[in-house]
Amino acid sequence: MSTTSLGMPALPPPTAQPTWKQAWDAALYGEHGYLRSHPVALTHDPGMLLDLVAARASSYDEVVLLGAAARLAPDLARRLPDRTLRPDIPAGFGGLVVAVDWLCHVPTHVVRADDEGRPRVVHVDPVSGSEILGSKLTDTAVPPTLEAWLLDHWPLDEPFARAEVGTTREAAWRDVVRRLDGGAAIAVEHGHTRATRPPDGTLRSPDGSRAVPDGTRDLVADVALDALAEVAGSWYVDDDGPARVEHG
């Protein structure tokens, strides 16, 4: 079988290795997953986050804290003693939802273009972290939503370019928004927009170690902020300021 200049197979080989999404999910949330025994680290300025939540919470009686936002609970309880803090979102919720580094922990499919520029699903060995290219996104076994999302939001224009497909994050955020009835939701995430998509993707371990889905380390990938905002008709704010993205 021929290989690319990076040693990746030029054709999809038969493999028993899981997709990155499957391995990532097991590494974080499986029976012995990393987040089963480790809290999500706070990677944003806690003072800024406390000010943000305090300002937004003035109109609500309840505040839901998702992801690393839970690390703010003791300080928020002192700062907002008349607010109820909770970790879950009931249907018809009329309060404030604050998600911090929550979506970056939602596993995604990882896709890489082969030497002919054709995007393929990436598989990974959960023990060694070695990768292998699998099916083309145009193959019938691959959900068509992956290719559609990539074409709309993160086209891979060069051989070996890499991306994380944001459909799972969007599904998670839609579920949050669907549960609101008069409430509001804020997500604070490291992210990028179409103009700043990184050619090598962003999947990594926050501690700087190699991204290996073996359950011994955290794994994250930045969020496609503009694509996420589009599904909910929401605002996103990045270094260029706020922007409105209308659904459809």
Protein backbone atom coordinates (compact mmCIF):
# COMPACT_ATOMS: atom_id res chain seq x y z
CA MET A 1 0.00 0.00 0.00
CA SER A 2 1.34 3.44 -0.89
CA THR A 3 1.83 6.05 1.80
CA THR A 4 1.90 9.83 1.89
CA SER A 5 5.00 11.89 2.65
CA LEU A 6 3.89 11.92 6.29
CA GLY A 7 3.66 8.15 6.44
CA MET A 8 -0.16 8.16 6.34
CA PRO A 9 -1.80 5.51 4.12
CA ALA A 10 -2.96 6.89 0.79
CA LEU A 11 -5.92 4.50 0.77
CA PRO A 12 -8.27 3.72 3.66
CA PRO A 13 -6.93 0.53 5.24
CA PRO A 14 -8.99 -1.95 7.19
CA THR A 15 -8.51 -1.02 10.83
CA ALA A 16 -9.88 -2.03 14.18
CA GLN A 17 -8.84 1.30 15.68
CA PRO A 18 -11.70 3.62 16.71
CA THR A 19 -12.34 6.98 15.17
CA TRP A 20 -10.93 9.92 17.11
CA LYS A 21 -14.45 10.80 18.25
CA GLN A 22 -15.00 7.33 19.70
CA ALA A 23 -11.60 7.21 21.39
CA TRP A 24 -11.90 10.76 22.73
CA ASP A 25 -15.31 10.04 24.22
CA ALA A 26 -14.06 6.90 25.97
CA ALA A 27 -10.90 8.67 27.18
CA LEU A 28 -12.88 11.43 28.91
CA TYR A 29 -16.25 9.88 29.79
CA GLY A 30 -15.78 6.11 29.69
CA GLU A 31 -15.77 3.90 32.79
CA HIS A 32 -12.20 4.95 33.59
CA GLY A 33 -12.32 8.26 31.70
CA TYR A 34 -10.20 11.18 32.79
CA LEU A 35 -13.12 13.48 33.67
CA ARG A 36 -14.67 10.78 35.86
CA SER A 37 -12.03 11.59 38.47
CA HIS A 38 -10.64 15.01 37.49
CA PRO A 39 -12.52 18.33 37.46
CA VAL A 40 -12.34 20.48 34.34
CA ALA A 41 -9.48 22.96 34.71
CA LEU A 42 -10.28 26.68 34.54
CA THR A 43 -8.29 28.23 31.69
CA HIS A 44 -9.89 31.70 31.70
CA ASP A 45 -9.43 34.63 34.08
CA PRO A 46 -11.67 33.80 37.07
CA GLY A 47 -12.11 37.46 37.94
CA MET A 48 -13.41 38.22 34.47
CA LEU A 49 -15.76 35.26 34.62
CA LEU A 50 -17.10 36.24 38.04
CA ASP A 51 -17.78 39.77 36.83
CA LEU A 52 -19.50 38.42 33.70
CA VAL A 53 -21.78 36.05 35.61
CA ALA A 54 -22.58 38.58 38.32
CA ALA A 55 -23.57 41.17 35.73
CA ARG A 56 -25.75 38.77 33.74
CA ALA A 57 -27.31 37.06 36.76
CA SER A 58 -28.99 40.20 38.04
CA SER A 59 -32.13 39.36 36.05
CA TYR A 60 -32.35 35.69 37.04
CA ASP A 61 -33.03 33.68 40.18
CA GLU A 62 -31.13 30.54 39.11
CA VAL A 63 -27.75 30.01 37.48
CA VAL A 64 -26.62 26.76 35.87
CA LEU A 65 -22.85 26.15 35.84
CA LEU A 66 -21.50 23.79 33.17
CA GLY A 67 -17.93 22.60 32.64
CA ALA A 68 -15.24 24.67 34.32
CA ALA A 69 -17.90 27.17 35.44
CA ALA A 70 -18.50 24.81 38.37
CA ARG A 71 -15.10 25.89 39.73
CA LEU A 72 -16.63 29.34 40.28
CA ALA A 73 -19.41 28.05 42.53
CA PRO A 74 -17.87 28.93 45.93
CA ASP A 75 -17.04 32.50 44.88
CA LEU A 76 -20.38 32.94 43.13
CA ALA A 77 -22.25 31.72 46.19
CA ARG A 78 -20.58 34.46 48.22
CA ARG A 79 -21.07 37.10 45.55
CA LEU A 80 -24.66 36.12 44.68
CA PRO A 81 -26.08 34.77 47.96
CA ASP A 82 -29.68 35.17 46.79
CA ARG A 83 -29.20 33.09 43.61
CA THR A 84 -29.60 29.33 43.30
CA LEU A 85 -26.63 27.60 41.65
CA ARG A 86 -27.23 24.25 39.97
CA PRO A 87 -25.40 21.82 37.62
CA ASP A 88 -28.37 20.78 35.45
CA ILE A 89 -30.78 22.48 33.05
CA PRO A 90 -34.44 21.52 33.50
CA ALA A 91 -36.86 21.88 30.60
CA GLY A 92 -38.47 25.31 30.46
CA PHE A 93 -35.57 26.90 32.33
CA GLY A 94 -35.93 30.62 32.94
CA GLY A 95 -32.53 31.30 34.49
CA LEU A 96 -28.98 31.87 33.27
CA VAL A 97 -26.77 29.07 31.86
CA VAL A 98 -23.02 29.66 31.99
CA ALA A 99 -20.82 27.11 30.20
CA VAL A 100 -17.05 27.50 30.51
CA ASP A 101 -14.76 25.18 28.54
CA TRP A 102 -17.72 22.83 28.28
CA LEU A 103 -18.10 22.59 24.52
CA CYS A 104 -14.36 22.13 23.96
CA HIS A 105 -14.74 18.85 25.88
CA VAL A 106 -17.49 17.56 23.56
CA PRO A 107 -15.68 15.00 21.35
CA THR A 108 -15.78 15.57 17.61
CA HIS A 109 -14.86 13.67 14.50
CA VAL A 110 -11.33 14.53 13.41
CA VAL A 111 -10.81 14.81 9.66
CA ARG A 112 -7.63 15.11 7.62
CA ALA A 113 -7.06 15.57 3.91
CA ASP A 114 -4.96 12.90 2.24
CA ASP A 115 -2.17 13.59 -0.25
CA GLU A 116 -4.76 14.26 -2.95
CA GLY A 117 -6.67 16.71 -0.76
CA ARG A 118 -9.61 14.36 -0.07
CA PRO A 119 -10.91 14.68 3.52
CA ARG A 120 -10.91 11.41 5.45
CA VAL A 121 -11.97 10.37 8.93
CA VAL A 122 -8.98 9.92 11.24
CA HIS A 123 -8.69 6.80 13.42
CA VAL A 124 -6.38 6.56 16.42
CA ASP A 125 -4.77 3.91 18.58
CA PRO A 126 -6.01 4.66 22.14
CA VAL A 127 -2.73 3.42 23.66
CA SER A 128 -0.03 4.83 21.41
CA GLY A 129 -1.91 7.75 19.85
CA SER A 130 -0.75 6.72 16.37
CA GLU A 131 -3.21 7.74 13.67
CA ILE A 132 -4.42 6.21 10.45
CA LEU A 133 -6.67 7.58 7.73
CA GLY A 134 -10.00 5.89 7.21
CA SER A 135 -12.99 6.47 4.95
CA LYS A 136 -13.39 9.43 2.66
CA LEU A 137 -16.20 11.74 3.75
CA THR A 138 -17.95 10.96 0.48
CA ASP A 139 -18.15 7.25 1.32
CA THR A 140 -21.65 5.95 1.99
CA ALA A 141 -20.63 4.66 5.44
CA VAL A 142 -19.85 8.21 6.62
CA PRO A 143 -22.75 10.41 7.78
CA PRO A 144 -23.27 13.10 5.10
CA THR A 145 -23.52 15.76 7.81
CA LEU A 146 -19.74 15.61 8.27
CA GLU A 147 -18.96 16.57 4.69
CA ALA A 148 -21.72 19.20 4.64
CA TRP A 149 -20.43 20.85 7.82
CA LEU A 150 -16.86 20.85 6.54
CA LEU A 151 -17.86 22.42 3.21
CA ASP A 152 -19.90 25.10 4.96
CA HIS A 153 -17.54 25.97 7.79
CA TRP A 154 -14.05 24.52 7.50
CA PRO A 155 -13.12 23.49 3.95
CA LEU A 156 -9.80 21.68 3.73
CA ASP A 157 -8.07 23.34 0.80
CA GLU A 158 -4.64 21.72 1.06
CA PRO A 159 -3.32 18.16 1.34
CA PHE A 160 -2.80 17.08 4.95
CA ALA A 161 -4.92 19.95 6.32
CA ARG A 162 -6.83 18.94 9.43
CA ALA A 163 -10.10 19.89 11.13
CA GLU A 164 -12.46 19.02 13.96
CA VAL A 165 -16.07 18.74 12.73
CA GLY A 166 -18.33 20.84 14.96
CA THR A 167 -21.64 19.01 14.56
CA THR A 168 -21.53 17.42 18.02
CA ARG A 169 -20.86 20.77 19.73
CA GLU A 170 -23.75 22.34 17.84
CA ALA A 171 -26.07 19.51 18.86
CA ALA A 172 -25.05 20.00 22.51
CA TRP A 173 -25.61 23.76 22.34
CA ARG A 174 -28.97 23.36 20.58
CA ASP A 175 -30.04 21.11 23.44
CA VAL A 176 -29.13 23.87 25.91
CA VAL A 177 -31.04 26.50 23.96
CA ARG A 178 -34.10 24.25 23.55
CA ARG A 179 -34.39 23.98 27.33
CA LEU A 180 -34.65 27.74 27.80
CA ASP A 181 -37.95 29.50 28.38
CA GLY A 182 -37.20 33.12 29.08
CA GLY A 183 -33.66 32.27 30.17
CA ALA A 184 -30.30 32.96 28.57
CA ALA A 185 -27.13 30.97 27.85
CA ILE A 186 -23.49 32.04 27.60
CA ALA A 187 -20.59 29.86 26.47
CA VAL A 188 -17.02 30.95 27.20
CA GLU A 189 -14.64 28.94 25.05
CA HIS A 190 -11.31 29.11 23.31
CA GLY A 191 -12.33 29.24 19.68
CA HIS A 192 -11.85 30.36 16.11
CA THR A 193 -13.87 31.66 13.17
CA ARG A 194 -13.66 30.88 9.47
CA ALA A 195 -11.02 33.55 8.94
CA THR A 196 -8.81 32.07 11.65
CA ARG A 197 -9.26 28.30 11.30
CA PRO A 198 -5.91 26.64 12.12
CA PRO A 199 -4.68 24.40 9.28
CA ASP A 200 -3.56 21.67 11.68
CA GLY A 201 -6.66 21.69 13.88
CA THR A 202 -6.59 22.29 17.64
CA LEU A 203 -6.98 18.87 19.28
CA ARG A 204 -4.54 18.76 22.20
CA SER A 205 -3.96 17.97 25.84
CA PRO A 206 -4.08 21.18 27.92
CA ASP A 207 -1.07 20.09 29.97
CA GLY A 208 1.10 20.20 26.86
CA SER A 209 1.56 16.44 26.57
CA ARG A 210 0.85 14.58 23.35
CA ALA A 211 -2.84 14.09 22.58
CA VAL A 212 -3.29 10.39 23.31
CA PRO A 213 -6.80 9.09 24.17
CA ASP A 214 -5.61 6.72 26.88
CA GLY A 215 -7.71 8.12 29.74
CA THR A 216 -4.74 9.54 31.64
CA ARG A 217 -5.01 13.12 30.40
CA ASP A 218 -7.50 15.79 29.42
CA LEU A 219 -8.28 16.31 25.73
CA VAL A 220 -9.81 19.43 24.20
CA ALA A 221 -10.28 21.16 20.86
CA ASP A 222 -11.25 24.78 20.26
CA VAL A 223 -14.78 25.66 19.15
CA ALA A 224 -15.85 26.98 15.74
CA LEU A 225 -17.60 29.99 17.26
CA ASP A 226 -19.29 31.34 14.14
CA ALA A 227 -20.70 27.94 13.17
CA LEU A 228 -21.98 27.42 16.71
CA ALA A 229 -23.65 30.83 16.79
CA GLU A 230 -25.30 30.16 13.43
CA VAL A 231 -27.25 27.14 14.66
CA ALA A 232 -28.85 29.18 17.43
CA GLY A 233 -29.08 32.57 15.75
CA SER A 234 -26.81 33.90 18.48
CA TRP A 235 -24.03 36.40 19.02
CA TYR A 236 -20.40 35.47 19.35
CA VAL A 237 -17.64 37.72 20.59
CA ASP A 238 -13.99 37.35 19.62
CA ASP A 239 -11.01 39.66 19.37
CA ASP A 240 -12.80 41.67 16.67
CA GLY A 241 -15.83 42.28 18.89
CA PRO A 242 -19.42 40.97 18.82
CA ALA A 243 -21.01 39.54 15.69
CA ARG A 244 -24.53 38.30 15.05
CA VAL A 245 -25.01 35.08 13.08
CA GLU A 246 -28.55 34.35 11.96
CA HIS A 247 -29.70 30.76 11.62
CA GLY A 248 -30.11 29.79 8.00
